Amino acid sequence: MYEPTVPLLPILIGVGAVALYVAAIVFAIRQVMKSAELNSTERSIWIVAVLLAPFAGALVWYALGPHPFGLRAGRDPS
């Protein structure tokens, strides 16, 4: 009787990659929630961005911070 074996290393690498991906998203959302620079509208926009486009949203948050290109939501530009 032949029992096929599943290689364990690719499965472990995949599980590790998914865990890191989820951890990055959770970390980004926590940083958004803790940011004192954001008003409630901006905070909501960031959370939606991170949830709907997790890779891009998290990458923009990490790279450019809470106000990329100086954009502010719900405030008059001065």
PDB file of N, CA and C in Angstrom:
ATOM      1  N   MET A   1       0.844  -1.166   0.000  1.00  0.00           N
ATOM      2  CA  MET A   1       0.000   0.000   0.000  1.00  0.00           C
ATOM      3  C   MET A   1       0.896   1.238   0.000  1.00  0.00           C
ATOM      4  N   TYR A   2       0.654   2.115  -0.977  1.00  0.00           N
ATOM      5  CA  TYR A   2       1.447   3.334  -1.135  1.00  0.00           C
ATOM      6  C   TYR A   2       0.705   4.510  -0.507  1.00  0.00           C
ATOM      7  N   GLU A   3       1.381   5.205   0.389  1.00  0.00           N
ATOM      8  CA  GLU A   3       0.810   6.402   0.997  1.00  0.00           C
ATOM      9  C   GLU A   3       1.662   7.600   0.579  1.00  0.00           C
ATOM     10  N   PRO A   4       1.075   8.508  -0.211  1.00  0.00           N
ATOM     11  CA  PRO A   4       1.866   9.671  -0.627  1.00  0.00           C
ATOM     12  C   PRO A   4       2.166  10.562   0.582  1.00  0.00           C
ATOM     13  N   THR A   5       3.353  11.100   0.579  1.00  0.00           N
ATOM     14  CA  THR A   5       3.740  11.998   1.668  1.00  0.00           C
ATOM     15  C   THR A   5       3.715  13.426   1.162  1.00  0.00           C
ATOM     16  N   VAL A   6       3.303  14.312   2.023  1.00  0.00           N
ATOM     17  CA  VAL A   6       3.258  15.726   1.696  1.00  0.00           C
ATOM     18  C   VAL A   6       4.520  16.357   2.265  1.00  0.00           C
ATOM     19  N   PRO A   7       5.271  17.072   1.427  1.00  0.00           N
ATOM     20  CA  PRO A   7       6.477  17.708   1.953  1.00  0.00           C
ATOM     21  C   PRO A   7       6.105  18.742   3.009  1.00  0.00           C
ATOM     22  N   LEU A   8       6.730  18.662   4.154  1.00  0.00           N
ATOM     23  CA  LEU A   8       6.382  19.505   5.288  1.00  0.00           C
ATOM     24  C   LEU A   8       6.965  20.914   5.170  1.00  0.00           C
ATOM     25  N   LEU A   9       8.148  21.038   4.597  1.00  0.00           N
ATOM     26  CA  LEU A   9       8.804  22.352   4.538  1.00  0.00           C
ATOM     27  C   LEU A   9       7.993  23.403   3.782  1.00  0.00           C
ATOM     28  N   PRO A  10       7.454  23.122   2.585  1.00  0.00           N
ATOM     29  CA  PRO A  10       6.644  24.144   1.905  1.00  0.00           C
ATOM     30  C   PRO A  10       5.402  24.550   2.702  1.00  0.00           C
ATOM     31  N   ILE A  11       4.815  23.600   3.412  1.00  0.00           N
ATOM     32  CA  ILE A  11       3.648  23.920   4.227  1.00  0.00           C
ATOM     33  C   ILE A  11       4.044  24.853   5.366  1.00  0.00           C
ATOM     34  N   LEU A  12       5.146  24.546   6.029  1.00  0.00           N
ATOM     35  CA  LEU A  12       5.617  25.399   7.126  1.00  0.00           C
ATOM     36  C   LEU A  12       5.991  26.792   6.641  1.00  0.00           C
ATOM     37  N   ILE A  13       6.614  26.883   5.477  1.00  0.00           N
ATOM     38  CA  ILE A  13       6.963  28.188   4.911  1.00  0.00           C
ATOM     39  C   ILE A  13       5.688  28.974   4.584  1.00  0.00           C
ATOM     40  N   GLY A  14       4.695  28.311   4.010  1.00  0.00           N
ATOM     41  CA  GLY A  14       3.430  28.971   3.699  1.00  0.00           C
ATOM     42  C   GLY A  14       2.711  29.458   4.938  1.00  0.00           C
ATOM     43  N   VAL A  15       2.653  28.630   5.957  1.00  0.00           N
ATOM     44  CA  VAL A  15       2.007  29.021   7.209  1.00  0.00           C
ATOM     45  C   VAL A  15       2.754  30.193   7.842  1.00  0.00           C
ATOM     46  N   GLY A  16       4.077  30.151   7.810  1.00  0.00           N
ATOM     47  CA  GLY A  16       4.877  31.255   8.350  1.00  0.00           C
ATOM     48  C   GLY A  16       4.659  32.547   7.586  1.00  0.00           C
ATOM     49  N   ALA A  17       4.573  32.456   6.270  1.00  0.00           N
ATOM     50  CA  ALA A  17       4.342  33.655   5.451  1.00  0.00           C
ATOM     51  C   ALA A  17       2.966  34.251   5.731  1.00  0.00           C
ATOM     52  N   VAL A  18       1.958  33.417   5.853  1.00  0.00           N
ATOM     53  CA  VAL A  18       0.608  33.901   6.163  1.00  0.00           C
ATOM     54  C   VAL A  18       0.589  34.534   7.550  1.00  0.00           C
ATOM     55  N   ALA A  19       1.269  33.916   8.505  1.00  0.00           N
ATOM     56  CA  ALA A  19       1.316  34.464   9.860  1.00  0.00           C
ATOM     57  C   ALA A  19       1.993  35.833   9.873  1.00  0.00           C
ATOM     58  N   LEU A  20       3.085  35.987   9.134  1.00  0.00           N
ATOM     59  CA  LEU A  20       3.756  37.288   9.055  1.00  0.00           C
ATOM     60  C   LEU A  20       2.872  38.329   8.381  1.00  0.00           C
ATOM     61  N   TYR A  21       2.161  37.927   7.341  1.00  0.00           N
ATOM     62  CA  TYR A  21       1.265  38.825   6.622  1.00  0.00           C
ATOM     63  C   TYR A  21       0.149  39.321   7.546  1.00  0.00           C
ATOM     64  N   VAL A  22      -0.478  38.401   8.264  1.00  0.00           N
ATOM     65  CA  VAL A  22      -1.547  38.765   9.194  1.00  0.00           C
ATOM     66  C   VAL A  22      -0.996  39.637  10.315  1.00  0.00           C
ATOM     67  N   ALA A  23       0.189  39.311  10.815  1.00  0.00           N
ATOM     68  CA  ALA A  23       0.800  40.111  11.877  1.00  0.00           C
ATOM     69  C   ALA A  23       1.074  41.532  11.401  1.00  0.00           C
ATOM     70  N   ALA A  24       1.512  41.700  10.164  1.00  0.00           N
ATOM     71  CA  ALA A  24       1.769  43.042   9.628  1.00  0.00           C
ATOM     72  C   ALA A  24       0.481  43.844   9.524  1.00  0.00           C
ATOM     73  N   ILE A  25      -0.598  43.203   9.114  1.00  0.00           N
ATOM     74  CA  ILE A  25      -1.888  43.887   9.000  1.00  0.00           C
ATOM     75  C   ILE A  25      -2.394  44.287  10.382  1.00  0.00           C
ATOM     76  N   VAL A  26      -2.328  43.372  11.337  1.00  0.00           N
ATOM     77  CA  VAL A  26      -2.768  43.667  12.701  1.00  0.00           C
ATOM     78  C   VAL A  26      -1.926  44.793  13.294  1.00  0.00           C
ATOM     79  N   PHE A  27      -0.622  44.751  13.064  1.00  0.00           N
ATOM     80  CA  PHE A  27       0.256  45.796  13.577  1.00  0.00           C
ATOM     81  C   PHE A  27      -0.098  47.150  12.958  1.00  0.00           C
ATOM     82  N   ALA A  28      -0.358  47.165  11.658  1.00  0.00           N
ATOM     83  CA  ALA A  28      -0.717  48.425  10.997  1.00  0.00           C
ATOM     84  C   ALA A  28      -2.016  48.988  11.570  1.00  0.00           C
ATOM     85  N   ILE A  29      -3.007  48.126  11.782  1.00  0.00           N
ATOM     86  CA  ILE A  29      -4.284  48.595  12.338  1.00  0.00           C
ATOM     87  C   ILE A  29      -4.085  49.113  13.759  1.00  0.00           C
ATOM     88  N   ARG A  30      -3.267  48.423  14.545  1.00  0.00           N
ATOM     89  CA  ARG A  30      -2.995  48.899  15.912  1.00  0.00           C
ATOM     90  C   ARG A  30      -2.306  50.261  15.885  1.00  0.00           C
ATOM     91  N   GLN A  31      -1.371  50.461  14.961  1.00  0.00           N
ATOM     92  CA  GLN A  31      -0.678  51.747  14.858  1.00  0.00           C
ATOM     93  C   GLN A  31      -1.648  52.847  14.456  1.00  0.00           C
ATOM     94  N   VAL A  32      -2.556  52.543  13.544  1.00  0.00           N
ATOM     95  CA  VAL A  32      -3.570  53.523  13.141  1.00  0.00           C
ATOM     96  C   VAL A  32      -4.426  53.891  14.343  1.00  0.00           C
ATOM     97  N   MET A  33      -4.869  52.890  15.089  1.00  0.00           N
ATOM     98  CA  MET A  33      -5.735  53.145  16.240  1.00  0.00           C
ATOM     99  C   MET A  33      -5.027  53.966  17.317  1.00  0.00           C
ATOM    100  N   LYS A  34      -3.728  53.791  17.475  1.00  0.00           N
ATOM    101  CA  LYS A  34      -2.982  54.487  18.526  1.00  0.00           C
ATOM    102  C   LYS A  34      -2.490  55.869  18.111  1.00  0.00           C
ATOM    103  N   SER A  35      -2.551  56.191  16.832  1.00  0.00           N
ATOM    104  CA  SER A  35      -2.002  57.454  16.352  1.00  0.00           C
ATOM    105  C   SER A  35      -2.824  58.634  16.864  1.00  0.00           C
ATOM    106  N   ALA A  36      -2.155  59.537  17.564  1.00  0.00           N
ATOM    107  CA  ALA A  36      -2.822  60.731  18.094  1.00  0.00           C
ATOM    108  C   ALA A  36      -2.983  61.802  17.016  1.00  0.00           C
ATOM    109  N   GLU A  37      -2.285  61.658  15.897  1.00  0.00           N
ATOM    110  CA  GLU A  37      -2.326  62.654  14.827  1.00  0.00           C
ATOM    111  C   GLU A  37      -3.607  62.583  13.991  1.00  0.00           C
ATOM    112  N   LEU A  38      -4.345  61.492  14.112  1.00  0.00           N
ATOM    113  CA  LEU A  38      -5.498  61.273  13.248  1.00  0.00           C
ATOM    114  C   LEU A  38      -6.800  61.625  13.950  1.00  0.00           C
ATOM    115  N   ASN A  39      -7.710  62.248  13.198  1.00  0.00           N
ATOM    116  CA  ASN A  39      -9.058  62.432  13.730  1.00  0.00           C
ATOM    117  C   ASN A  39      -9.852  61.169  13.408  1.00  0.00           C
ATOM    118  N   SER A  40     -11.098  61.091  13.829  1.00  0.00           N
ATOM    119  CA  SER A  40     -11.869  59.854  13.656  1.00  0.00           C
ATOM    120  C   SER A  40     -12.111  59.532  12.176  1.00  0.00           C
ATOM    121  N   THR A  41     -12.300  60.556  11.350  1.00  0.00           N
ATOM    122  CA  THR A  41     -12.505  60.319   9.918  1.00  0.00           C
ATOM    123  C   THR A  41     -11.254  59.723   9.284  1.00  0.00           C
ATOM    124  N   GLU A  42     -10.108  60.314   9.578  1.00  0.00           N
ATOM    125  CA  GLU A  42      -8.849  59.811   9.024  1.00  0.00           C
ATOM    126  C   GLU A  42      -8.561  58.395   9.520  1.00  0.00           C
ATOM    127  N   ARG A  43      -8.828  58.158  10.790  1.00  0.00           N
ATOM    128  CA  ARG A  43      -8.608  56.830  11.361  1.00  0.00           C
ATOM    129  C   ARG A  43      -9.479  55.802  10.632  1.00  0.00           C
ATOM    130  N   SER A  44     -10.730  56.139  10.388  1.00  0.00           N
ATOM    131  CA  SER A  44     -11.630  55.222   9.676  1.00  0.00           C
ATOM    132  C   SER A  44     -11.147  54.958   8.255  1.00  0.00           C
ATOM    133  N   ILE A  45     -10.701  56.007   7.579  1.00  0.00           N
ATOM    134  CA  ILE A  45     -10.190  55.851   6.210  1.00  0.00           C
ATOM    135  C   ILE A  45      -8.987  54.924   6.190  1.00  0.00           C
ATOM    136  N   TRP A  46      -8.068  55.104   7.131  1.00  0.00           N
ATOM    137  CA  TRP A  46      -6.881  54.255   7.179  1.00  0.00           C
ATOM    138  C   TRP A  46      -7.236  52.802   7.471  1.00  0.00           C
ATOM    139  N   ILE A  47      -8.147  52.582   8.385  1.00  0.00           N
ATOM    140  CA  ILE A  47      -8.525  51.200   8.713  1.00  0.00           C
ATOM    141  C   ILE A  47      -9.161  50.529   7.508  1.00  0.00           C
ATOM    142  N   VAL A  48     -10.039  51.241   6.821  1.00  0.00           N
ATOM    143  CA  VAL A  48     -10.654  50.683   5.608  1.00  0.00           C
ATOM    144  C   VAL A  48      -9.584  50.409   4.551  1.00  0.00           C
ATOM    145  N   ALA A  49      -8.637  51.324   4.393  1.00  0.00           N
ATOM    146  CA  ALA A  49      -7.570  51.128   3.403  1.00  0.00           C
ATOM    147  C   ALA A  49      -6.735  49.900   3.726  1.00  0.00           C
ATOM    148  N   VAL A  50      -6.397  49.717   4.991  1.00  0.00           N
ATOM    149  CA  VAL A  50      -5.584  48.568   5.374  1.00  0.00           C
ATOM    150  C   VAL A  50      -6.376  47.270   5.226  1.00  0.00           C
ATOM    151  N   LEU A  51      -7.673  47.301   5.506  1.00  0.00           N
ATOM    152  CA  LEU A  51      -8.473  46.084   5.392  1.00  0.00           C
ATOM    153  C   LEU A  51      -8.817  45.730   3.951  1.00  0.00           C
ATOM    154  N   LEU A  52      -9.107  46.740   3.115  1.00  0.00           N
ATOM    155  CA  LEU A  52      -9.500  46.454   1.733  1.00  0.00           C
ATOM    156  C   LEU A  52      -8.304  46.231   0.810  1.00  0.00           C
ATOM    157  N   ALA A  53      -7.213  46.886   1.086  1.00  0.00           N
ATOM    158  CA  ALA A  53      -5.995  46.692   0.297  1.00  0.00           C
ATOM    159  C   ALA A  53      -4.849  46.471   1.276  1.00  0.00           C
ATOM    160  N   PRO A  54      -4.822  45.304   1.908  1.00  0.00           N
ATOM    161  CA  PRO A  54      -3.911  45.110   3.032  1.00  0.00           C
ATOM    162  C   PRO A  54      -2.444  45.357   2.703  1.00  0.00           C
ATOM    163  N   PHE A  55      -1.978  44.844   1.592  1.00  0.00           N
ATOM    164  CA  PHE A  55      -0.554  45.019   1.294  1.00  0.00           C
ATOM    165  C   PHE A  55      -0.245  46.477   1.000  1.00  0.00           C
ATOM    166  N   ALA A  56      -1.009  47.085   0.105  1.00  0.00           N
ATOM    167  CA  ALA A  56      -0.760  48.484  -0.264  1.00  0.00           C
ATOM    168  C   ALA A  56      -1.041  49.428   0.903  1.00  0.00           C
ATOM    169  N   GLY A  57      -2.154  49.195   1.608  1.00  0.00           N
ATOM    170  CA  GLY A  57      -2.497  50.063   2.734  1.00  0.00           C
ATOM    171  C   GLY A  57      -1.451  50.036   3.824  1.00  0.00           C
ATOM    172  N   ALA A  58      -1.013  48.842   4.189  1.00  0.00           N
ATOM    173  CA  ALA A  58       0.015  48.723   5.224  1.00  0.00           C
ATOM    174  C   ALA A  58       1.340  49.306   4.738  1.00  0.00           C
ATOM    175  N   LEU A  59       1.683  49.071   3.488  1.00  0.00           N
ATOM    176  CA  LEU A  59       2.934  49.592   2.950  1.00  0.00           C
ATOM    177  C   LEU A  59       2.948  51.118   2.945  1.00  0.00           C
ATOM    178  N   VAL A  60       1.852  51.734   2.535  1.00  0.00           N
ATOM    179  CA  VAL A  60       1.772  53.200   2.544  1.00  0.00           C
ATOM    180  C   VAL A  60       1.853  53.719   3.972  1.00  0.00           C
ATOM    181  N   TRP A  61       1.168  53.065   4.906  1.00  0.00           N
ATOM    182  CA  TRP A  61       1.215  53.505   6.309  1.00  0.00           C
ATOM    183  C   TRP A  61       2.652  53.438   6.836  1.00  0.00           C
ATOM    184  N   TYR A  62       3.343  52.316   6.600  1.00  0.00           N
ATOM    185  CA  TYR A  62       4.708  52.163   7.106  1.00  0.00           C
ATOM    186  C   TYR A  62       5.668  53.136   6.430  1.00  0.00           C
ATOM    187  N   ALA A  63       5.503  53.352   5.134  1.00  0.00           N
ATOM    188  CA  ALA A  63       6.446  54.177   4.381  1.00  0.00           C
ATOM    189  C   ALA A  63       6.208  55.673   4.547  1.00  0.00           C
ATOM    190  N   LEU A  64       4.939  56.101   4.539  1.00  0.00           N
ATOM    191  CA  LEU A  64       4.643  57.528   4.497  1.00  0.00           C
ATOM    192  C   LEU A  64       3.981  58.067   5.758  1.00  0.00           C
ATOM    193  N   GLY A  65       3.533  57.192   6.635  1.00  0.00           N
ATOM    194  CA  GLY A  65       2.929  57.643   7.883  1.00  0.00           C
ATOM    195  C   GLY A  65       1.472  58.004   7.735  1.00  0.00           C
ATOM    196  N   PRO A  66       0.919  58.646   8.762  1.00  0.00           N
ATOM    197  CA  PRO A  66      -0.515  58.887   8.796  1.00  0.00           C
ATOM    198  C   PRO A  66      -1.020  59.917   7.787  1.00  0.00           C
ATOM    199  N   HIS A  67      -0.172  60.797   7.303  1.00  0.00           N
ATOM    200  CA  HIS A  67      -0.611  61.840   6.369  1.00  0.00           C
ATOM    201  C   HIS A  67       0.279  61.848   5.126  1.00  0.00           C
ATOM    202  N   PRO A  68       0.101  60.843   4.246  1.00  0.00           N
ATOM    203  CA  PRO A  68       0.939  60.816   3.048  1.00  0.00           C
ATOM    204  C   PRO A  68       0.699  62.048   2.184  1.00  0.00           C
ATOM    205  N   PHE A  69       1.758  62.631   1.743  1.00  0.00           N
ATOM    206  CA  PHE A  69       1.726  63.809   0.871  1.00  0.00           C
ATOM    207  C   PHE A  69       1.042  65.001   1.542  1.00  0.00           C
ATOM    208  N   GLY A  70       0.957  64.990   2.881  1.00  0.00           N
ATOM    209  CA  GLY A  70       0.365  66.092   3.612  1.00  0.00           C
ATOM    210  C   GLY A  70      -1.147  66.162   3.536  1.00  0.00           C
ATOM    211  N   LEU A  71      -1.788  65.090   3.098  1.00  0.00           N
ATOM    212  CA  LEU A  71      -3.246  65.072   2.962  1.00  0.00           C
ATOM    213  C   LEU A  71      -3.902  64.934   4.330  1.00  0.00           C
ATOM    214  N   ARG A  72      -4.952  65.707   4.547  1.00  0.00           N
ATOM    215  CA  ARG A  72      -5.728  65.647   5.774  1.00  0.00           C
ATOM    216  C   ARG A  72      -7.199  65.540   5.411  1.00  0.00           C
ATOM    217  N   ALA A  73      -7.911  64.652   6.055  1.00  0.00           N
ATOM    218  CA  ALA A  73      -9.345  64.488   5.782  1.00  0.00           C
ATOM    219  C   ALA A  73     -10.142  65.230   6.838  1.00  0.00           C
ATOM    220  N   GLY A  74     -11.135  65.957   6.404  1.00  0.00           N
ATOM    221  CA  GLY A  74     -12.040  66.618   7.326  1.00  0.00           C
ATOM    222  C   GLY A  74     -11.518  67.912   7.928  1.00  0.00           C
ATOM    223  N   ARG A  75     -10.451  68.451   7.375  1.00  0.00           N
ATOM    224  CA  ARG A  75      -9.911  69.707   7.883  1.00  0.00           C
ATOM    225  C   ARG A  75      -9.650  70.638   6.710  1.00  0.00           C
ATOM    226  N   ASP A  76      -9.760  71.937   6.965  1.00  0.00           N
ATOM    227  CA  ASP A  76      -9.469  72.901   5.929  1.00  0.00           C
ATOM    228  C   ASP A  76      -7.972  72.982   5.673  1.00  0.00           C
ATOM    229  N   PRO A  77      -7.561  72.980   4.403  1.00  0.00           N
ATOM    230  CA  PRO A  77      -6.124  73.125   4.126  1.00  0.00           C
ATOM    231  C   PRO A  77      -5.662  74.528   4.499  1.00  0.00           C
ATOM    232  N   SER A  78      -4.521  74.600   5.153  1.00  0.00           N
ATOM    233  CA  SER A  78      -4.002  75.907   5.549  1.00  0.00           C
ATOM    234  C   SER A  78      -2.645  76.134   4.945  1.00  0.00           C
TER     235      SER A  78
END
